[in-house]
PDB file of all heavy atoms in Angstrom:
ATOM      1  N   ALA A   1     109.365  88.280  74.325  1.00  0.00           N
ATOM      2  CA  ALA A   1     109.502  86.935  73.793  1.00  0.00           C
ATOM      3  C   ALA A   1     108.202  86.525  73.129  1.00  0.00           C
ATOM      4  O   ALA A   1     107.139  87.090  73.361  1.00  0.00           O
ATOM      5  CB  ALA A   1     109.845  85.977  74.924  1.00  0.00           C
ATOM      6  N   ASP A   2     108.258  85.470  72.284  1.00  0.00           N
ATOM      7  CA  ASP A   2     107.078  85.019  71.563  1.00  0.00           C
ATOM      8  C   ASP A   2     105.969  84.561  72.505  1.00  0.00           C
ATOM      9  O   ASP A   2     104.791  84.690  72.214  1.00  0.00           O
ATOM     10  CB  ASP A   2     107.447  83.870  70.621  1.00  0.00           C
ATOM     11  CG  ASP A   2     108.332  84.338  69.472  1.00  0.00           C
ATOM     12  OD1 ASP A   2     108.214  85.513  69.076  1.00  0.00           O
ATOM     13  OD2 ASP A   2     109.136  83.534  69.000  1.00  0.00           O
ATOM     14  N   ASP A   3     106.357  83.980  73.651  1.00  0.00           N
ATOM     15  CA  ASP A   3     105.337  83.492  74.575  1.00  0.00           C
ATOM     16  C   ASP A   3     104.752  84.596  75.449  1.00  0.00           C
ATOM     17  O   ASP A   3     103.854  84.363  76.241  1.00  0.00           O
ATOM     18  CB  ASP A   3     105.892  82.373  75.457  1.00  0.00           C
ATOM     19  CG  ASP A   3     107.074  82.809  76.309  1.00  0.00           C
ATOM     20  OD1 ASP A   3     107.347  84.018  76.428  1.00  0.00           O
ATOM     21  OD2 ASP A   3     107.726  81.918  76.858  1.00  0.00           O
ATOM     22  N   GLY A   4     105.312  85.810  75.345  1.00  0.00           N
ATOM     23  CA  GLY A   4     104.769  86.943  76.074  1.00  0.00           C
ATOM     24  C   GLY A   4     105.100  86.966  77.545  1.00  0.00           C
ATOM     25  O   GLY A   4     104.666  87.832  78.272  1.00  0.00           O
ATOM     26  N   ARG A   5     105.897  85.975  78.015  1.00  0.00           N
ATOM     27  CA  ARG A   5     106.150  85.896  79.446  1.00  0.00           C
ATOM     28  C   ARG A   5     107.457  86.542  79.864  1.00  0.00           C
ATOM     29  O   ARG A   5     107.640  86.853  81.023  1.00  0.00           O
ATOM     30  CB  ARG A   5     106.168  84.436  79.898  1.00  0.00           C
ATOM     31  CG  ARG A   5     104.811  83.756  79.842  1.00  0.00           C
ATOM     32  CD  ARG A   5     104.917  82.314  80.269  1.00  0.00           C
ATOM     33  NE  ARG A   5     105.794  81.587  79.368  1.00  0.00           N
ATOM     34  CZ  ARG A   5     106.373  80.429  79.678  1.00  0.00           C
ATOM     35  NH1 ARG A   5     106.216  79.906  80.878  1.00  0.00           N
ATOM     36  NH2 ARG A   5     107.146  79.819  78.807  1.00  0.00           N
ATOM     37  N   THR A   6     108.380  86.714  78.932  1.00  0.00           N
ATOM     38  CA  THR A   6     109.717  87.150  79.297  1.00  0.00           C
ATOM     39  C   THR A   6     110.156  88.319  78.441  1.00  0.00           C
ATOM     40  O   THR A   6     110.042  88.269  77.217  1.00  0.00           O
ATOM     41  CB  THR A   6     110.726  86.001  79.122  1.00  0.00           C
ATOM     42  OG1 THR A   6     110.304  84.914  79.926  1.00  0.00           O
ATOM     43  CG2 THR A   6     112.117  86.416  79.538  1.00  0.00           C
ATOM     44  N   ALA A   7     110.651  89.351  79.056  1.00  0.00           N
ATOM     45  CA  ALA A   7     111.245  90.463  78.331  1.00  0.00           C
ATOM     46  C   ALA A   7     112.704  90.124  78.086  1.00  0.00           C
ATOM     47  O   ALA A   7     113.430  89.752  79.002  1.00  0.00           O
ATOM     48  CB  ALA A   7     111.124  91.753  79.133  1.00  0.00           C
ATOM     49  N   VAL A   8     113.136  90.250  76.845  1.00  0.00           N
ATOM     50  CA  VAL A   8     114.500  89.898  76.482  1.00  0.00           C
ATOM     51  C   VAL A   8     115.221  91.141  76.016  1.00  0.00           C
ATOM     52  O   VAL A   8     114.813  91.776  75.055  1.00  0.00           O
ATOM     53  CB  VAL A   8     114.522  88.832  75.360  1.00  0.00           C
ATOM     54  CG1 VAL A   8     115.949  88.420  75.056  1.00  0.00           C
ATOM     55  CG2 VAL A   8     113.675  87.637  75.742  1.00  0.00           C
ATOM     56  N   THR A   9     116.277  91.508  76.696  1.00  0.00           N
ATOM     57  CA  THR A   9     117.039  92.676  76.301  1.00  0.00           C
ATOM     58  C   THR A   9     117.963  92.311  75.158  1.00  0.00           C
ATOM     59  O   THR A   9     118.163  91.147  74.828  1.00  0.00           O
ATOM     60  CB  THR A   9     117.876  93.204  77.476  1.00  0.00           C
ATOM     61  OG1 THR A   9     118.921  92.273  77.755  1.00  0.00           O
ATOM     62  CG2 THR A   9     117.015  93.395  78.712  1.00  0.00           C
ATOM     63  N   SER A  10     118.585  93.348  74.585  1.00  0.00           N
ATOM     64  CA  SER A  10     119.485  93.107  73.470  1.00  0.00           C
ATOM     65  C   SER A  10     120.747  92.390  73.897  1.00  0.00           C
ATOM     66  O   SER A  10     121.493  91.890  73.057  1.00  0.00           O
ATOM     67  CB  SER A  10     119.851  94.441  72.802  1.00  0.00           C
ATOM     68  OG  SER A  10     118.698  95.096  72.349  1.00  0.00           O
ATOM     69  N   THR A  11     121.031  92.312  75.186  1.00  0.00           N
ATOM     70  CA  THR A  11     122.189  91.575  75.667  1.00  0.00           C
ATOM     71  C   THR A  11     121.872  90.105  75.845  1.00  0.00           C
ATOM     72  O   THR A  11     122.751  89.302  76.108  1.00  0.00           O
ATOM     73  CB  THR A  11     122.648  92.126  77.037  1.00  0.00           C
ATOM     74  OG1 THR A  11     121.589  91.951  77.968  1.00  0.00           O
ATOM     75  CG2 THR A  11     123.039  93.580  76.941  1.00  0.00           C
ATOM     76  N   GLY A  12     120.619  89.722  75.697  1.00  0.00           N
ATOM     77  CA  GLY A  12     120.218  88.345  75.921  1.00  0.00           C
ATOM     78  C   GLY A  12     119.760  88.087  77.344  1.00  0.00           C
ATOM     79  O   GLY A  12     119.224  87.030  77.636  1.00  0.00           O
ATOM     80  N   MET A  13     119.966  89.017  78.257  1.00  0.00           N
ATOM     81  CA  MET A  13     119.482  88.855  79.623  1.00  0.00           C
ATOM     82  C   MET A  13     117.966  89.001  79.634  1.00  0.00           C
ATOM     83  O   MET A  13     117.390  89.728  78.838  1.00  0.00           O
ATOM     84  CB  MET A  13     120.130  89.876  80.546  1.00  0.00           C
ATOM     85  CG  MET A  13     121.624  89.704  80.718  1.00  0.00           C
ATOM     86  SD  MET A  13     122.266  90.806  81.992  1.00  0.00           S
ATOM     87  CE  MET A  13     124.042  90.491  81.828  1.00  0.00           C
ATOM     88  N   GLN A  14     117.327  88.301  80.568  1.00  0.00           N
ATOM     89  CA  GLN A  14     115.883  88.271  80.604  1.00  0.00           C
ATOM     90  C   GLN A  14     115.354  88.858  81.904  1.00  0.00           C
ATOM     91  O   GLN A  14     115.969  88.748  82.958  1.00  0.00           O
ATOM     92  CB  GLN A  14     115.379  86.839  80.437  1.00  0.00           C
ATOM     93  CG  GLN A  14     115.748  86.233  79.084  1.00  0.00           C
ATOM     94  CD  GLN A  14     115.233  84.808  78.941  1.00  0.00           C
ATOM     95  OE1 GLN A  14     114.882  84.186  79.933  1.00  0.00           O
ATOM     96  NE2 GLN A  14     115.176  84.328  77.723  1.00  0.00           N
ATOM     97  N   SER A  15     114.202  89.465  81.789  1.00  0.00           N
ATOM     98  CA  SER A  15     113.480  89.980  82.938  1.00  0.00           C
ATOM     99  C   SER A  15     112.016  89.624  82.760  1.00  0.00           C
ATOM    100  O   SER A  15     111.540  89.515  81.623  1.00  0.00           O
ATOM    101  CB  SER A  15     113.626  91.501  83.061  1.00  0.00           C
ATOM    102  OG  SER A  15     114.951  91.861  83.353  1.00  0.00           O
ATOM    103  N   PRO A  16     111.278  89.470  83.844  1.00  0.00           N
ATOM    104  CA  PRO A  16     109.849  89.173  83.703  1.00  0.00           C
ATOM    105  C   PRO A  16     109.124  90.339  83.052  1.00  0.00           C
ATOM    106  O   PRO A  16     109.440  91.498  83.307  1.00  0.00           O
ATOM    107  CB  PRO A  16     109.381  88.992  85.155  1.00  0.00           C
ATOM    108  CG  PRO A  16     110.619  88.809  85.962  1.00  0.00           C
ATOM    109  CD  PRO A  16     111.708  89.534  85.245  1.00  0.00           C
ATOM    110  N   VAL A  17     108.158  90.008  82.213  1.00  0.00           N
ATOM    111  CA  VAL A  17     107.303  91.055  81.675  1.00  0.00           C
ATOM    112  C   VAL A  17     106.535  91.695  82.830  1.00  0.00           C
ATOM    113  O   VAL A  17     106.228  91.039  83.829  1.00  0.00           O
ATOM    114  CB  VAL A  17     106.336  90.462  80.627  1.00  0.00           C
ATOM    115  CG1 VAL A  17     105.178  91.403  80.349  1.00  0.00           C
ATOM    116  CG2 VAL A  17     107.075  90.164  79.345  1.00  0.00           C
ATOM    117  N   ALA A  18     106.256  92.983  82.701  1.00  0.00           N
ATOM    118  CA  ALA A  18     105.620  93.735  83.781  1.00  0.00           C
ATOM    119  C   ALA A  18     104.317  93.085  84.240  1.00  0.00           C
ATOM    120  O   ALA A  18     103.460  92.739  83.437  1.00  0.00           O
ATOM    121  CB  ALA A  18     105.345  95.157  83.316  1.00  0.00           C
ATOM    122  N   THR A  19     104.192  92.910  85.545  1.00  0.00           N
ATOM    123  CA  THR A  19     102.943  92.468  86.139  1.00  0.00           C
ATOM    124  C   THR A  19     102.078  93.681  86.458  1.00  0.00           C
ATOM    125  O   THR A  19     102.525  94.828  86.355  1.00  0.00           O
ATOM    126  CB  THR A  19     103.207  91.690  87.447  1.00  0.00           C
ATOM    127  OG1 THR A  19     103.860  92.563  88.375  1.00  0.00           O
ATOM    128  CG2 THR A  19     104.101  90.474  87.184  1.00  0.00           C
ATOM    129  N   LYS A  20     100.856  93.444  86.892  1.00  0.00           N
ATOM    130  CA  LYS A  20      99.953  94.553  87.211  1.00  0.00           C
ATOM    131  C   LYS A  20     100.471  95.392  88.373  1.00  0.00           C
ATOM    132  O   LYS A  20     100.166  96.578  88.464  1.00  0.00           O
ATOM    133  CB  LYS A  20      98.553  94.015  87.532  1.00  0.00           C
ATOM    134  CG  LYS A  20      97.817  93.462  86.321  1.00  0.00           C
ATOM    135  CD  LYS A  20      96.420  93.007  86.702  1.00  0.00           C
ATOM    136  CE  LYS A  20      95.671  92.482  85.476  1.00  0.00           C
ATOM    137  NZ  LYS A  20      94.302  92.007  85.829  1.00  0.00           N
ATOM    138  N   ARG A  21     101.236  94.783  89.268  1.00  0.00           N
ATOM    139  CA  ARG A  21     101.690  95.552  90.430  1.00  0.00           C
ATOM    140  C   ARG A  21     102.971  96.329  90.165  1.00  0.00           C
ATOM    141  O   ARG A  21     103.368  97.137  91.002  1.00  0.00           O
ATOM    142  CB  ARG A  21     101.888  94.629  91.633  1.00  0.00           C
ATOM    143  CG  ARG A  21     102.954  93.574  91.485  1.00  0.00           C
ATOM    144  CD  ARG A  21     103.158  92.831  92.812  1.00  0.00           C
ATOM    145  NE  ARG A  21     104.031  91.675  92.635  1.00  0.00           N
ATOM    146  CZ  ARG A  21     103.614  90.437  92.482  1.00  0.00           C
ATOM    147  NH1 ARG A  21     102.304  90.181  92.478  1.00  0.00           N
ATOM    148  NH2 ARG A  21     104.459  89.431  92.331  1.00  0.00           N
ATOM    149  N   LEU A  22     103.622  96.095  88.996  1.00  0.00           N
ATOM    150  CA  LEU A  22     104.881  96.788  88.754  1.00  0.00           C
ATOM    151  C   LEU A  22     104.679  98.288  88.575  1.00  0.00           C
ATOM    152  O   LEU A  22     105.454  99.088  89.108  1.00  0.00           O
ATOM    153  CB  LEU A  22     105.601  96.197  87.537  1.00  0.00           C
ATOM    154  CG  LEU A  22     106.973  96.817  87.219  1.00  0.00           C
ATOM    155  CD1 LEU A  22     107.919  96.695  88.407  1.00  0.00           C
ATOM    156  CD2 LEU A  22     107.594  96.168  85.985  1.00  0.00           C
ATOM    157  N   LEU A  23     103.658  98.681  87.815  1.00  0.00           N
ATOM    158  CA  LEU A  23     103.424 100.120  87.598  1.00  0.00           C
ATOM    159  C   LEU A  23     103.211 100.869  88.918  1.00  0.00           C
ATOM    160  O   LEU A  23     103.897 101.866  89.175  1.00  0.00           O
ATOM    161  CB  LEU A  23     102.240 100.335  86.656  1.00  0.00           C
ATOM    162  CG  LEU A  23     102.524 100.252  85.154  1.00  0.00           C
ATOM    163  CD1 LEU A  23     101.220 100.402  84.375  1.00  0.00           C
ATOM    164  CD2 LEU A  23     103.509 101.318  84.730  1.00  0.00           C
ATOM    165  N   PRO A  24     102.281 100.429  89.767  1.00  0.00           N
ATOM    166  CA  PRO A  24     102.146 101.146  91.037  1.00  0.00           C
ATOM    167  C   PRO A  24     103.382 101.028  91.919  1.00  0.00           C
ATOM    168  O   PRO A  24     103.674 101.948  92.693  1.00  0.00           O
ATOM    169  CB  PRO A  24     100.929 100.484  91.700  1.00  0.00           C
ATOM    170  CG  PRO A  24     100.726  99.195  90.982  1.00  0.00           C
ATOM    171  CD  PRO A  24     101.231  99.404  89.594  1.00  0.00           C
ATOM    172  N   SER A  25     104.123  99.936  91.795  1.00  0.00           N
ATOM    173  CA  SER A  25     105.355  99.788  92.583  1.00  0.00           C
ATOM    174  C   SER A  25     106.393 100.818  92.173  1.00  0.00           C
ATOM    175  O   SER A  25     107.077 101.408  93.022  1.00  0.00           O
ATOM    176  CB  SER A  25     105.923  98.381  92.425  1.00  0.00           C
ATOM    177  OG  SER A  25     105.055  97.407  92.959  1.00  0.00           O
ATOM    178  N   ILE A  26     106.534 101.035  90.853  1.00  0.00           N
ATOM    179  CA  ILE A  26     107.453 102.061  90.365  1.00  0.00           C
ATOM    180  C   ILE A  26     107.034 103.430  90.889  1.00  0.00           C
ATOM    181  O   ILE A  26     107.860 104.235  91.335  1.00  0.00           O
ATOM    182  CB  ILE A  26     107.496 102.054  88.828  1.00  0.00           C
ATOM    183  CG1 ILE A  26     108.213 100.792  88.322  1.00  0.00           C
ATOM    184  CG2 ILE A  26     108.205 103.299  88.284  1.00  0.00           C
ATOM    185  CD1 ILE A  26     108.152 100.616  86.815  1.00  0.00           C
ATOM    186  N   ALA A  27     105.722 103.701  90.845  1.00  0.00           N
ATOM    187  CA  ALA A  27     105.225 104.989  91.315  1.00  0.00           C
ATOM    188  C   ALA A  27     105.495 105.170  92.802  1.00  0.00           C
ATOM    189  O   ALA A  27     105.954 106.235  93.239  1.00  0.00           O
ATOM    190  CB  ALA A  27     103.724 105.105  91.029  1.00  0.00           C
ATOM    191  N   ILE A  28     105.233 104.121  93.603  1.00  0.00           N
ATOM    192  CA  ILE A  28     105.409 104.239  95.056  1.00  0.00           C
ATOM    193  C   ILE A  28     106.869 104.451  95.426  1.00  0.00           C
ATOM    194  O   ILE A  28     107.200 105.323  96.244  1.00  0.00           O
ATOM    195  CB  ILE A  28     104.844 102.986  95.759  1.00  0.00           C
ATOM    196  CG1 ILE A  28     103.318 102.963  95.628  1.00  0.00           C
ATOM    197  CG2 ILE A  28     105.251 102.967  97.230  1.00  0.00           C
ATOM    198  CD1 ILE A  28     102.683 101.650  96.041  1.00  0.00           C
ATOM    199  N   LEU A  29     107.780 103.660  94.816  1.00  0.00           N
ATOM    200  CA  LEU A  29     109.194 103.849  95.134  1.00  0.00           C
ATOM    201  C   LEU A  29     109.677 105.214  94.661  1.00  0.00           C
ATOM    202  O   LEU A  29     110.455 105.885  95.353  1.00  0.00           O
ATOM    203  CB  LEU A  29     110.035 102.734  94.505  1.00  0.00           C
ATOM    204  CG  LEU A  29     111.544 102.787  94.797  1.00  0.00           C
ATOM    205  CD1 LEU A  29     111.818 102.891  96.287  1.00  0.00           C
ATOM    206  CD2 LEU A  29     112.251 101.572  94.203  1.00  0.00           C
ATOM    207  N   SER A  30     109.192 105.651  93.501  1.00  0.00           N
ATOM    208  CA  SER A  30     109.551 106.984  93.015  1.00  0.00           C
ATOM    209  C   SER A  30     109.083 108.059  93.988  1.00  0.00           C
ATOM    210  O   SER A  30     109.773 109.053  94.217  1.00  0.00           O
ATOM    211  CB  SER A  30     108.946 107.235  91.630  1.00  0.00           C
ATOM    212  OG  SER A  30     109.479 106.359  90.669  1.00  0.00           O
ATOM    213  N   VAL A  31     107.895 107.859  94.570  1.00  0.00           N
ATOM    214  CA  VAL A  31     107.393 108.809  95.563  1.00  0.00           C
ATOM    215  C   VAL A  31     108.396 108.982  96.691  1.00  0.00           C
ATOM    216  O   VAL A  31     108.757 110.111  97.071  1.00  0.00           O
ATOM    217  CB  VAL A  31     106.031 108.341  96.129  1.00  0.00           C
ATOM    218  CG1 VAL A  31     105.700 109.105  97.415  1.00  0.00           C
ATOM    219  CG2 VAL A  31     104.921 108.556  95.117  1.00  0.00           C
ATOM    220  N   PHE A  32     108.884 107.878  97.238  1.00  0.00           N
ATOM    221  CA  PHE A  32     109.768 107.967  98.401  1.00  0.00           C
ATOM    222  C   PHE A  32     111.166 108.454  98.033  1.00  0.00           C
ATOM    223  O   PHE A  32     111.803 109.164  98.827  1.00  0.00           O
ATOM    224  CB  PHE A  32     109.812 106.619  99.121  1.00  0.00           C
ATOM    225  CG  PHE A  32     108.607 106.374  99.982  1.00  0.00           C
ATOM    226  CD1 PHE A  32     107.448 105.835  99.447  1.00  0.00           C
ATOM    227  CD2 PHE A  32     108.615 106.719 101.324  1.00  0.00           C
ATOM    228  CE1 PHE A  32     106.322 105.629 100.231  1.00  0.00           C
ATOM    229  CE2 PHE A  32     107.500 106.524 102.119  1.00  0.00           C
ATOM    230  CZ  PHE A  32     106.345 105.974 101.568  1.00  0.00           C
ATOM    231  N   VAL A  33     111.651 108.084  96.841  1.00  0.00           N
ATOM    232  CA  VAL A  33     112.959 108.594  96.397  1.00  0.00           C
ATOM    233  C   VAL A  33     112.900 110.108  96.245  1.00  0.00           C
ATOM    234  O   VAL A  33     113.750 110.846  96.777  1.00  0.00           O
ATOM    235  CB  VAL A  33     113.380 107.929  95.071  1.00  0.00           C
ATOM    236  CG1 VAL A  33     114.582 108.664  94.461  1.00  0.00           C
ATOM    237  CG2 VAL A  33     113.737 106.465  95.302  1.00  0.00           C
ATOM    238  N   PHE A  34     111.880 110.594  95.532  1.00  0.00           N
ATOM    239  CA  PHE A  34     111.806 112.031  95.272  1.00  0.00           C
ATOM    240  C   PHE A  34     111.273 112.810  96.469  1.00  0.00           C
ATOM    241  O   PHE A  34     111.522 114.018  96.578  1.00  0.00           O
ATOM    242  CB  PHE A  34     110.990 112.289  94.011  1.00  0.00           C
ATOM    243  CG  PHE A  34     111.729 111.924  92.761  1.00  0.00           C
ATOM    244  CD1 PHE A  34     111.472 110.726  92.107  1.00  0.00           C
ATOM    245  CD2 PHE A  34     112.728 112.740  92.263  1.00  0.00           C
ATOM    246  CE1 PHE A  34     112.178 110.371  90.973  1.00  0.00           C
ATOM    247  CE2 PHE A  34     113.444 112.394  91.122  1.00  0.00           C
ATOM    248  CZ  PHE A  34     113.168 111.205  90.473  1.00  0.00           C
ATOM    249  N   ALA A  35     110.574 112.139  97.380  1.00  0.00           N
ATOM    250  CA  ALA A  35     110.209 112.792  98.631  1.00  0.00           C
ATOM    251  C   ALA A  35     111.458 113.116  99.429  1.00  0.00           C
ATOM    252  O   ALA A  35     111.561 114.180 100.056  1.00  0.00           O
ATOM    253  CB  ALA A  35     109.280 111.895  99.449  1.00  0.00           C
ATOM    254  N   THR A  36     112.424 112.205  99.392  1.00  0.00           N
ATOM    255  CA  THR A  36     113.683 112.448 100.097  1.00  0.00           C
ATOM    256  C   THR A  36     114.441 113.607  99.469  1.00  0.00           C
ATOM    257  O   THR A  36     114.929 114.506 100.172  1.00  0.00           O
ATOM    258  CB  THR A  36     114.545 111.178 100.093  1.00  0.00           C
ATOM    259  OG1 THR A  36     113.791 110.106 100.666  1.00  0.00           O
ATOM    260  CG2 THR A  36     115.830 111.377 100.885  1.00  0.00           C
TER     261      THR A  36
END
């Protein structure tokens, strides 16, 4: 979005733009999924 705060998909649904903790969160959850 123009204000940089919201990610807007092509369907019009919105999600928050990635915070600093999202990247490590993705990595950590991926660790446990693929560890299983």
